[in-house]
N, C-alpha and C. Protein backbone atom coordinates (compact mmCIF):
# COMPACT_ATOMS: atom_id res chain seq x y z
N UNK A 1 0.57 0.60 -11.21
CA UNK A 1 1.83 1.30 -11.26
C UNK A 1 1.68 2.62 -12.00
N UNK A 2 0.89 3.54 -11.46
CA UNK A 2 0.72 4.81 -12.15
C UNK A 2 2.05 5.55 -12.30
N UNK A 3 2.43 5.81 -13.53
CA UNK A 3 3.69 6.49 -13.79
C UNK A 3 4.90 5.68 -13.37
N UNK A 4 4.73 4.38 -13.15
CA UNK A 4 5.82 3.52 -12.67
C UNK A 4 5.94 3.51 -11.16
N UNK A 5 5.08 4.24 -10.46
CA UNK A 5 5.10 4.25 -8.99
C UNK A 5 4.36 3.02 -8.48
N UNK A 6 5.04 2.20 -7.73
CA UNK A 6 4.48 0.93 -7.31
C UNK A 6 3.42 1.09 -6.23
N UNK A 7 2.19 0.77 -6.56
CA UNK A 7 1.09 0.71 -5.59
C UNK A 7 0.49 -0.70 -5.60
N UNK A 8 1.30 -1.67 -5.98
CA UNK A 8 0.87 -3.05 -6.14
C UNK A 8 0.34 -3.64 -4.85
N UNK A 9 -0.71 -4.43 -4.98
CA UNK A 9 -1.26 -5.18 -3.87
C UNK A 9 -1.44 -6.63 -4.29
N UNK A 10 -1.18 -7.54 -3.38
CA UNK A 10 -1.56 -8.94 -3.57
C UNK A 10 -2.93 -9.11 -2.94
N UNK A 11 -3.88 -9.61 -3.70
CA UNK A 11 -5.23 -9.83 -3.18
C UNK A 11 -5.35 -11.29 -2.79
N UNK A 12 -5.78 -11.51 -1.57
CA UNK A 12 -5.95 -12.86 -1.04
C UNK A 12 -7.44 -13.15 -0.92
N UNK A 13 -7.89 -14.15 -1.65
CA UNK A 13 -9.27 -14.61 -1.52
C UNK A 13 -9.25 -15.76 -0.54
N UNK A 14 -10.05 -15.67 0.49
CA UNK A 14 -10.03 -16.65 1.57
C UNK A 14 -10.96 -17.83 1.30
N UNK A 15 -11.32 -18.02 0.05
CA UNK A 15 -12.34 -18.99 -0.31
C UNK A 15 -11.81 -19.96 -1.36
N UNK A 16 -12.62 -20.96 -1.64
CA UNK A 16 -12.28 -21.94 -2.66
C UNK A 16 -12.72 -21.49 -4.04
N UNK A 17 -12.44 -22.32 -5.01
CA UNK A 17 -12.75 -22.02 -6.41
C UNK A 17 -14.23 -21.83 -6.66
N UNK A 18 -15.09 -22.46 -5.84
CA UNK A 18 -16.54 -22.30 -6.04
C UNK A 18 -16.97 -20.85 -5.93
N UNK A 19 -16.31 -20.06 -5.09
CA UNK A 19 -16.66 -18.65 -4.94
C UNK A 19 -15.79 -17.76 -5.82
N UNK A 20 -14.50 -18.00 -5.82
CA UNK A 20 -13.58 -17.14 -6.54
C UNK A 20 -13.81 -17.20 -8.05
N UNK A 21 -14.23 -18.34 -8.57
CA UNK A 21 -14.45 -18.46 -10.01
C UNK A 21 -15.68 -17.69 -10.49
N UNK A 22 -16.44 -17.11 -9.58
CA UNK A 22 -17.61 -16.33 -9.95
C UNK A 22 -17.27 -14.91 -10.42
N UNK A 23 -16.01 -14.53 -10.27
CA UNK A 23 -15.61 -13.16 -10.61
C UNK A 23 -14.44 -13.17 -11.59
N UNK A 24 -14.23 -12.06 -12.24
CA UNK A 24 -13.07 -11.87 -13.11
C UNK A 24 -12.05 -11.06 -12.32
N UNK A 25 -10.78 -11.48 -12.29
CA UNK A 25 -9.78 -10.73 -11.54
C UNK A 25 -9.67 -9.29 -12.02
N UNK A 26 -9.38 -8.41 -11.08
CA UNK A 26 -9.16 -7.00 -11.39
C UNK A 26 -7.68 -6.80 -11.69
N UNK A 27 -7.38 -5.89 -12.60
CA UNK A 27 -5.98 -5.59 -12.90
C UNK A 27 -5.80 -4.08 -13.05
N UNK A 28 -4.58 -3.66 -13.28
CA UNK A 28 -4.31 -2.24 -13.46
C UNK A 28 -5.00 -1.69 -14.70
N UNK A 29 -5.42 -2.56 -15.61
CA UNK A 29 -6.15 -2.10 -16.79
C UNK A 29 -7.57 -1.69 -16.44
N UNK A 30 -8.06 -2.17 -15.30
CA UNK A 30 -9.38 -1.77 -14.82
C UNK A 30 -9.30 -0.44 -14.06
N UNK A 31 -8.27 -0.30 -13.23
CA UNK A 31 -8.06 0.93 -12.47
C UNK A 31 -6.73 0.84 -11.74
N UNK A 32 -6.09 1.99 -11.56
CA UNK A 32 -4.87 2.07 -10.76
C UNK A 32 -5.15 2.60 -9.36
N UNK A 33 -6.39 3.00 -9.09
CA UNK A 33 -6.77 3.60 -7.82
C UNK A 33 -7.08 2.51 -6.79
N UNK A 34 -6.38 2.50 -5.65
CA UNK A 34 -6.65 1.49 -4.61
C UNK A 34 -8.11 1.49 -4.14
N UNK A 35 -8.76 2.65 -4.13
CA UNK A 35 -10.16 2.69 -3.69
C UNK A 35 -11.05 1.87 -4.62
N UNK A 36 -10.72 1.81 -5.89
CA UNK A 36 -11.48 0.97 -6.81
C UNK A 36 -11.25 -0.51 -6.51
N UNK A 37 -10.05 -0.85 -6.09
CA UNK A 37 -9.77 -2.24 -5.69
C UNK A 37 -10.61 -2.60 -4.47
N UNK A 38 -10.71 -1.69 -3.50
CA UNK A 38 -11.51 -1.98 -2.31
C UNK A 38 -12.97 -2.16 -2.66
N UNK A 39 -13.47 -1.35 -3.59
CA UNK A 39 -14.86 -1.52 -4.05
C UNK A 39 -15.04 -2.87 -4.75
N UNK A 40 -14.04 -3.27 -5.51
CA UNK A 40 -14.07 -4.57 -6.19
C UNK A 40 -14.15 -5.71 -5.16
N UNK A 41 -13.32 -5.62 -4.12
CA UNK A 41 -13.34 -6.67 -3.09
C UNK A 41 -14.66 -6.67 -2.34
N UNK A 42 -15.22 -5.49 -2.10
CA UNK A 42 -16.52 -5.41 -1.44
C UNK A 42 -17.60 -6.05 -2.31
N UNK A 43 -17.55 -5.81 -3.61
CA UNK A 43 -18.52 -6.41 -4.53
C UNK A 43 -18.35 -7.92 -4.57
N UNK A 44 -17.10 -8.39 -4.51
CA UNK A 44 -16.84 -9.83 -4.45
C UNK A 44 -17.51 -10.45 -3.23
N UNK A 45 -17.31 -9.83 -2.07
CA UNK A 45 -17.89 -10.36 -0.84
C UNK A 45 -19.42 -10.34 -0.89
N UNK A 46 -19.98 -9.28 -1.43
CA UNK A 46 -21.44 -9.18 -1.52
C UNK A 46 -22.01 -10.25 -2.46
N UNK A 47 -21.35 -10.45 -3.59
CA UNK A 47 -21.83 -11.41 -4.59
C UNK A 47 -21.70 -12.85 -4.12
N UNK A 48 -20.57 -13.18 -3.49
CA UNK A 48 -20.26 -14.58 -3.20
C UNK A 48 -20.44 -14.98 -1.74
N UNK A 49 -20.49 -14.00 -0.84
CA UNK A 49 -20.48 -14.32 0.58
C UNK A 49 -19.09 -14.70 1.05
N UNK A 50 -18.11 -14.52 0.18
CA UNK A 50 -16.72 -14.86 0.51
C UNK A 50 -16.03 -13.73 1.23
N UNK A 51 -14.71 -13.90 1.38
CA UNK A 51 -13.91 -12.90 2.08
C UNK A 51 -12.61 -12.67 1.32
N UNK A 52 -12.12 -11.42 1.35
CA UNK A 52 -10.88 -11.08 0.67
C UNK A 52 -10.17 -9.96 1.44
N UNK A 53 -8.87 -9.87 1.23
CA UNK A 53 -8.10 -8.74 1.74
C UNK A 53 -6.91 -8.53 0.82
N UNK A 54 -6.27 -7.38 0.94
CA UNK A 54 -5.13 -7.06 0.08
C UNK A 54 -3.90 -6.76 0.94
N UNK A 55 -2.75 -7.08 0.38
CA UNK A 55 -1.47 -6.80 1.04
C UNK A 55 -0.66 -5.86 0.15
N UNK A 56 -0.59 -4.57 0.48
CA UNK A 56 0.27 -3.67 -0.29
C UNK A 56 1.73 -3.92 0.08
N UNK A 57 2.60 -3.68 -0.89
CA UNK A 57 4.03 -3.86 -0.61
C UNK A 57 4.86 -3.06 -1.59
N UNK A 58 6.14 -3.04 -1.34
CA UNK A 58 7.10 -2.28 -2.12
C UNK A 58 6.81 -0.79 -2.14
N UNK A 59 6.37 -0.24 -1.02
CA UNK A 59 6.19 1.20 -0.93
C UNK A 59 7.48 1.95 -1.21
N UNK A 60 8.61 1.28 -0.97
CA UNK A 60 9.91 1.89 -1.22
C UNK A 60 10.17 2.10 -2.71
N UNK A 61 9.29 1.57 -3.55
CA UNK A 61 9.41 1.76 -4.99
C UNK A 61 8.24 2.61 -5.52
N UNK A 62 7.57 3.34 -4.63
CA UNK A 62 6.37 4.09 -5.02
C UNK A 62 6.64 5.58 -5.26
N UNK A 63 7.87 6.00 -5.06
CA UNK A 63 8.22 7.44 -5.17
C UNK A 63 7.26 8.31 -4.38
N UNK A 64 7.02 7.90 -3.15
CA UNK A 64 6.27 8.73 -2.21
C UNK A 64 4.76 8.61 -2.30
N UNK A 65 4.24 7.58 -2.96
CA UNK A 65 2.79 7.49 -3.11
C UNK A 65 2.12 6.44 -2.22
N UNK A 66 2.87 5.49 -1.66
CA UNK A 66 2.23 4.42 -0.87
C UNK A 66 1.55 4.97 0.39
N UNK A 67 2.20 5.86 1.10
CA UNK A 67 1.64 6.41 2.33
C UNK A 67 1.45 7.93 2.21
N UNK A 68 1.04 8.35 1.06
CA UNK A 68 0.80 9.77 0.81
C UNK A 68 -0.30 10.30 1.73
N UNK A 69 -0.24 11.55 2.12
CA UNK A 69 -1.31 12.13 2.95
C UNK A 69 -2.55 12.49 2.13
N UNK A 70 -2.54 12.14 0.85
CA UNK A 70 -3.71 12.37 0.00
C UNK A 70 -4.12 11.06 -0.67
N UNK A 71 -5.36 11.02 -1.14
CA UNK A 71 -5.85 9.85 -1.87
C UNK A 71 -5.23 9.84 -3.27
N UNK A 72 -5.48 8.77 -3.99
CA UNK A 72 -4.99 8.65 -5.36
C UNK A 72 -5.48 9.82 -6.22
N UNK A 73 -6.70 10.29 -5.96
CA UNK A 73 -7.26 11.40 -6.72
C UNK A 73 -6.84 12.77 -6.19
N UNK A 74 -6.06 12.80 -5.11
CA UNK A 74 -5.51 14.06 -4.61
C UNK A 74 -6.25 14.69 -3.44
N UNK A 75 -7.30 14.04 -2.94
CA UNK A 75 -8.03 14.60 -1.80
C UNK A 75 -7.29 14.26 -0.49
N UNK A 76 -7.36 15.15 0.50
CA UNK A 76 -6.75 14.83 1.80
C UNK A 76 -7.40 13.58 2.41
N UNK A 77 -6.61 12.80 3.12
CA UNK A 77 -7.16 11.62 3.79
C UNK A 77 -8.16 12.05 4.84
N UNK A 78 -9.20 11.24 4.99
CA UNK A 78 -10.16 11.48 6.05
C UNK A 78 -10.38 10.16 6.79
N UNK A 79 -11.17 10.22 7.85
CA UNK A 79 -11.39 9.05 8.70
C UNK A 79 -11.99 7.89 7.90
N UNK A 80 -12.94 8.17 7.03
CA UNK A 80 -13.58 7.10 6.25
C UNK A 80 -12.58 6.40 5.35
N UNK A 81 -11.69 7.17 4.72
CA UNK A 81 -10.67 6.58 3.85
C UNK A 81 -9.77 5.64 4.65
N UNK A 82 -9.28 6.13 5.78
CA UNK A 82 -8.34 5.36 6.58
C UNK A 82 -9.01 4.11 7.14
N UNK A 83 -10.24 4.20 7.59
CA UNK A 83 -10.95 3.02 8.08
C UNK A 83 -11.17 2.01 6.97
N UNK A 84 -11.50 2.49 5.78
CA UNK A 84 -11.70 1.59 4.65
C UNK A 84 -10.39 0.89 4.29
N UNK A 85 -9.30 1.65 4.25
CA UNK A 85 -8.00 1.04 3.93
C UNK A 85 -7.62 0.01 4.99
N UNK A 86 -7.84 0.33 6.24
CA UNK A 86 -7.50 -0.62 7.32
C UNK A 86 -8.33 -1.90 7.22
N UNK A 87 -9.57 -1.77 6.79
CA UNK A 87 -10.42 -2.95 6.63
C UNK A 87 -9.91 -3.86 5.52
N UNK A 88 -9.61 -3.30 4.36
CA UNK A 88 -9.22 -4.10 3.20
C UNK A 88 -7.74 -4.42 3.16
N UNK A 89 -6.94 -3.65 3.88
CA UNK A 89 -5.49 -3.85 3.89
C UNK A 89 -5.00 -3.93 5.35
N UNK A 90 -5.33 -5.02 6.04
CA UNK A 90 -5.01 -5.09 7.47
C UNK A 90 -3.53 -5.31 7.77
N UNK A 91 -2.74 -5.66 6.75
CA UNK A 91 -1.30 -5.86 6.93
C UNK A 91 -0.56 -5.17 5.79
N UNK A 92 0.72 -4.96 6.00
CA UNK A 92 1.59 -4.38 4.98
C UNK A 92 2.87 -5.20 4.93
N UNK A 93 3.30 -5.56 3.74
CA UNK A 93 4.54 -6.31 3.59
C UNK A 93 5.71 -5.33 3.62
N UNK A 94 6.44 -5.35 4.70
CA UNK A 94 7.51 -4.38 4.91
C UNK A 94 8.82 -4.78 4.24
N UNK A 95 9.14 -6.06 4.21
CA UNK A 95 10.42 -6.50 3.66
C UNK A 95 10.22 -7.63 2.67
N UNK A 96 10.93 -7.55 1.55
CA UNK A 96 10.95 -8.63 0.58
C UNK A 96 12.18 -8.48 -0.29
N UNK A 97 12.31 -9.32 -1.29
CA UNK A 97 13.51 -9.34 -2.12
C UNK A 97 13.75 -8.04 -2.88
N UNK A 98 12.70 -7.28 -3.13
CA UNK A 98 12.84 -6.01 -3.85
C UNK A 98 13.23 -4.86 -2.93
N UNK A 99 13.72 -5.18 -1.76
CA UNK A 99 14.17 -4.13 -0.87
C UNK A 99 13.34 -4.02 0.38
N UNK A 100 13.93 -3.43 1.37
CA UNK A 100 13.27 -3.26 2.65
C UNK A 100 12.40 -2.02 2.65
N UNK A 101 11.21 -2.13 3.19
CA UNK A 101 10.28 -1.01 3.24
C UNK A 101 10.01 -0.51 4.63
N UNK A 102 10.86 -0.86 5.61
CA UNK A 102 10.62 -0.40 6.98
C UNK A 102 11.08 1.03 7.18
N UNK A 103 12.35 1.29 6.86
CA UNK A 103 12.87 2.65 7.03
C UNK A 103 14.06 2.85 6.11
N UNK A 104 14.50 4.06 6.03
CA UNK A 104 15.62 4.46 5.16
C UNK A 104 16.63 5.21 6.03
N UNK A 105 17.89 5.12 5.70
CA UNK A 105 18.93 5.80 6.47
C UNK A 105 18.70 7.30 6.60
N UNK A 106 18.11 7.93 5.61
CA UNK A 106 17.81 9.36 5.67
C UNK A 106 16.75 9.64 6.73
N UNK A 107 15.79 8.72 6.89
CA UNK A 107 14.69 8.90 7.84
C UNK A 107 15.06 8.45 9.25
N UNK A 108 15.97 7.50 9.36
CA UNK A 108 16.36 6.93 10.65
C UNK A 108 17.88 6.87 10.76
N UNK A 109 18.55 8.02 10.81
CA UNK A 109 20.01 8.03 10.80
C UNK A 109 20.64 7.35 12.02
N UNK A 110 19.88 7.22 13.12
CA UNK A 110 20.41 6.58 14.32
C UNK A 110 20.34 5.05 14.26
N UNK A 111 19.64 4.51 13.27
CA UNK A 111 19.44 3.07 13.15
C UNK A 111 20.49 2.48 12.22
N UNK A 112 21.40 1.68 12.77
CA UNK A 112 22.49 1.12 11.96
C UNK A 112 21.99 0.13 10.91
N UNK A 113 20.77 -0.38 11.06
CA UNK A 113 20.21 -1.32 10.10
C UNK A 113 19.28 -0.65 9.08
N UNK A 114 19.20 0.65 9.11
CA UNK A 114 18.25 1.37 8.25
C UNK A 114 18.58 1.23 6.76
N UNK A 115 19.78 0.90 6.42
CA UNK A 115 20.13 0.74 5.01
C UNK A 115 20.13 -0.72 4.55
N UNK A 116 19.45 -1.58 5.29
CA UNK A 116 19.35 -2.98 4.90
C UNK A 116 18.51 -3.11 3.63
N UNK A 117 19.11 -3.62 2.58
CA UNK A 117 18.41 -3.88 1.32
C UNK A 117 17.65 -2.65 0.81
N UNK A 118 18.25 -1.48 0.91
CA UNK A 118 17.59 -0.25 0.46
C UNK A 118 17.71 -0.11 -1.05
N UNK A 119 16.57 0.05 -1.70
CA UNK A 119 16.52 0.38 -3.13
C UNK A 119 15.93 1.78 -3.21
N UNK A 120 16.77 2.75 -3.50
CA UNK A 120 16.29 4.13 -3.44
C UNK A 120 16.70 4.97 -4.64
N UNK A 121 16.76 4.35 -5.80
CA UNK A 121 17.15 5.08 -7.01
C UNK A 121 15.96 5.72 -7.71
N UNK A 122 14.79 5.13 -7.58
CA UNK A 122 13.62 5.66 -8.27
C UNK A 122 12.42 4.77 -8.05
N UNK A 123 11.44 4.89 -8.93
CA UNK A 123 10.25 4.05 -8.80
C UNK A 123 10.50 2.71 -9.47
N UNK A 124 9.48 1.86 -9.50
CA UNK A 124 9.65 0.51 -10.02
C UNK A 124 10.00 0.51 -11.50
N UNK A 125 9.51 1.46 -12.26
CA UNK A 125 9.80 1.51 -13.70
C UNK A 125 11.20 2.04 -13.98
N UNK A 126 11.78 2.74 -13.02
CA UNK A 126 13.09 3.35 -13.23
C UNK A 126 13.03 4.63 -14.03
N UNK A 127 11.84 5.10 -14.34
CA UNK A 127 11.68 6.31 -15.16
C UNK A 127 11.90 7.60 -14.37
N UNK A 128 11.58 7.56 -13.07
CA UNK A 128 11.64 8.78 -12.27
C UNK A 128 12.53 8.58 -11.06
N UNK A 129 13.47 9.49 -10.90
CA UNK A 129 14.41 9.40 -9.79
C UNK A 129 13.74 9.68 -8.45
N UNK A 130 14.30 9.11 -7.43
CA UNK A 130 13.82 9.31 -6.07
C UNK A 130 14.38 10.61 -5.52
N UNK A 131 13.57 11.31 -4.71
CA UNK A 131 14.05 12.50 -4.00
C UNK A 131 13.87 12.25 -2.50
N UNK A 132 14.61 12.98 -1.69
CA UNK A 132 14.50 12.81 -0.24
C UNK A 132 13.10 13.14 0.27
N UNK A 133 12.40 14.06 -0.38
CA UNK A 133 11.05 14.44 0.05
C UNK A 133 10.07 13.27 -0.07
N UNK A 134 10.33 12.37 -0.99
CA UNK A 134 9.43 11.22 -1.22
C UNK A 134 9.55 10.17 -0.12
N UNK A 135 10.71 10.05 0.48
CA UNK A 135 11.00 8.93 1.37
C UNK A 135 10.01 8.80 2.53
N UNK A 136 9.57 9.89 3.10
CA UNK A 136 8.67 9.83 4.25
C UNK A 136 7.32 9.18 3.91
N UNK A 137 6.98 9.12 2.63
CA UNK A 137 5.70 8.55 2.21
C UNK A 137 5.85 7.16 1.61
N UNK A 138 7.01 6.53 1.83
CA UNK A 138 7.28 5.22 1.27
C UNK A 138 7.52 4.13 2.30
N UNK A 139 7.93 4.50 3.47
CA UNK A 139 8.39 3.52 4.45
C UNK A 139 7.40 3.38 5.60
N UNK A 140 7.22 2.14 6.05
CA UNK A 140 6.20 1.86 7.07
C UNK A 140 6.49 2.55 8.40
N UNK A 141 7.74 2.62 8.82
CA UNK A 141 8.05 3.28 10.09
C UNK A 141 7.70 4.77 10.02
N UNK A 142 7.99 5.41 8.90
CA UNK A 142 7.65 6.82 8.74
C UNK A 142 6.14 7.02 8.70
N UNK A 143 5.42 6.09 8.06
CA UNK A 143 3.95 6.19 8.02
C UNK A 143 3.38 6.15 9.43
N UNK A 144 3.90 5.27 10.26
CA UNK A 144 3.44 5.19 11.64
C UNK A 144 3.78 6.47 12.40
N UNK A 145 4.97 7.00 12.15
CA UNK A 145 5.41 8.22 12.81
C UNK A 145 4.54 9.41 12.42
N UNK A 146 4.06 9.42 11.18
CA UNK A 146 3.27 10.54 10.68
C UNK A 146 1.82 10.50 11.11
N UNK A 147 1.38 9.39 11.63
CA UNK A 147 0.01 9.39 12.09
C UNK A 147 -0.82 8.20 11.70
N UNK A 148 -0.34 7.31 10.86
CA UNK A 148 -1.06 6.07 10.63
C UNK A 148 -0.83 5.24 11.89
N UNK A 149 -1.86 5.06 12.69
CA UNK A 149 -1.65 4.32 13.93
C UNK A 149 -2.77 3.32 14.13
N UNK A 150 -2.39 2.19 14.64
CA UNK A 150 -3.36 1.12 14.89
C UNK A 150 -4.04 1.39 16.23
N UNK A 151 -5.36 1.42 16.20
CA UNK A 151 -6.11 1.66 17.43
C UNK A 151 -6.92 0.43 17.80
N UNK A 152 -6.38 -0.73 17.50
CA UNK A 152 -7.08 -1.97 17.80
C UNK A 152 -7.67 -2.57 16.56
N UNK A 153 -8.85 -2.09 16.17
CA UNK A 153 -9.49 -2.68 14.99
C UNK A 153 -9.37 -1.82 13.75
N UNK A 154 -8.85 -0.59 13.87
CA UNK A 154 -8.73 0.28 12.71
C UNK A 154 -7.42 1.03 12.73
N UNK A 155 -7.08 1.61 11.60
CA UNK A 155 -5.97 2.54 11.51
C UNK A 155 -6.55 3.94 11.48
N UNK A 156 -5.87 4.85 12.10
CA UNK A 156 -6.29 6.25 12.05
C UNK A 156 -5.16 7.05 11.44
N UNK A 157 -5.54 8.11 10.78
CA UNK A 157 -4.57 9.07 10.26
C UNK A 157 -4.81 10.37 10.99
N UNK A 158 -3.83 10.81 11.76
CA UNK A 158 -4.00 12.03 12.57
C UNK A 158 -3.83 13.26 11.73
């Protein structure tokens, strides 16, 4: 949660305790950068022969950082980044109790359901207010519209 912006992921280990107990869980105290999480999962798989993936969610509480056109460190997205993210994050949790992350009424004014469970006051910490410019980088429908597209086995960013 850098600056209270939610970039939380649930990591799913597809293995039993015999493999998972070989590692120490990663937390935000280790790194807030998703690329470091992907490296961690890759190291887990290499060490144990196991499998893992992550499910990002609550982009609607990220103040525009979940689907940003730049990496956590500020570099523009490239093909390698997007392929790596698609590998480690093959799904995205669009809706949950903390609000809907599909679309926002500002982004989809023609959709009568766009304001379903909308939480749009700020980030998860409540420290920073939300602006309209942030919304396009928080919702899954907008991310798809901007160029995150599934091409079968990978996501591409146009």
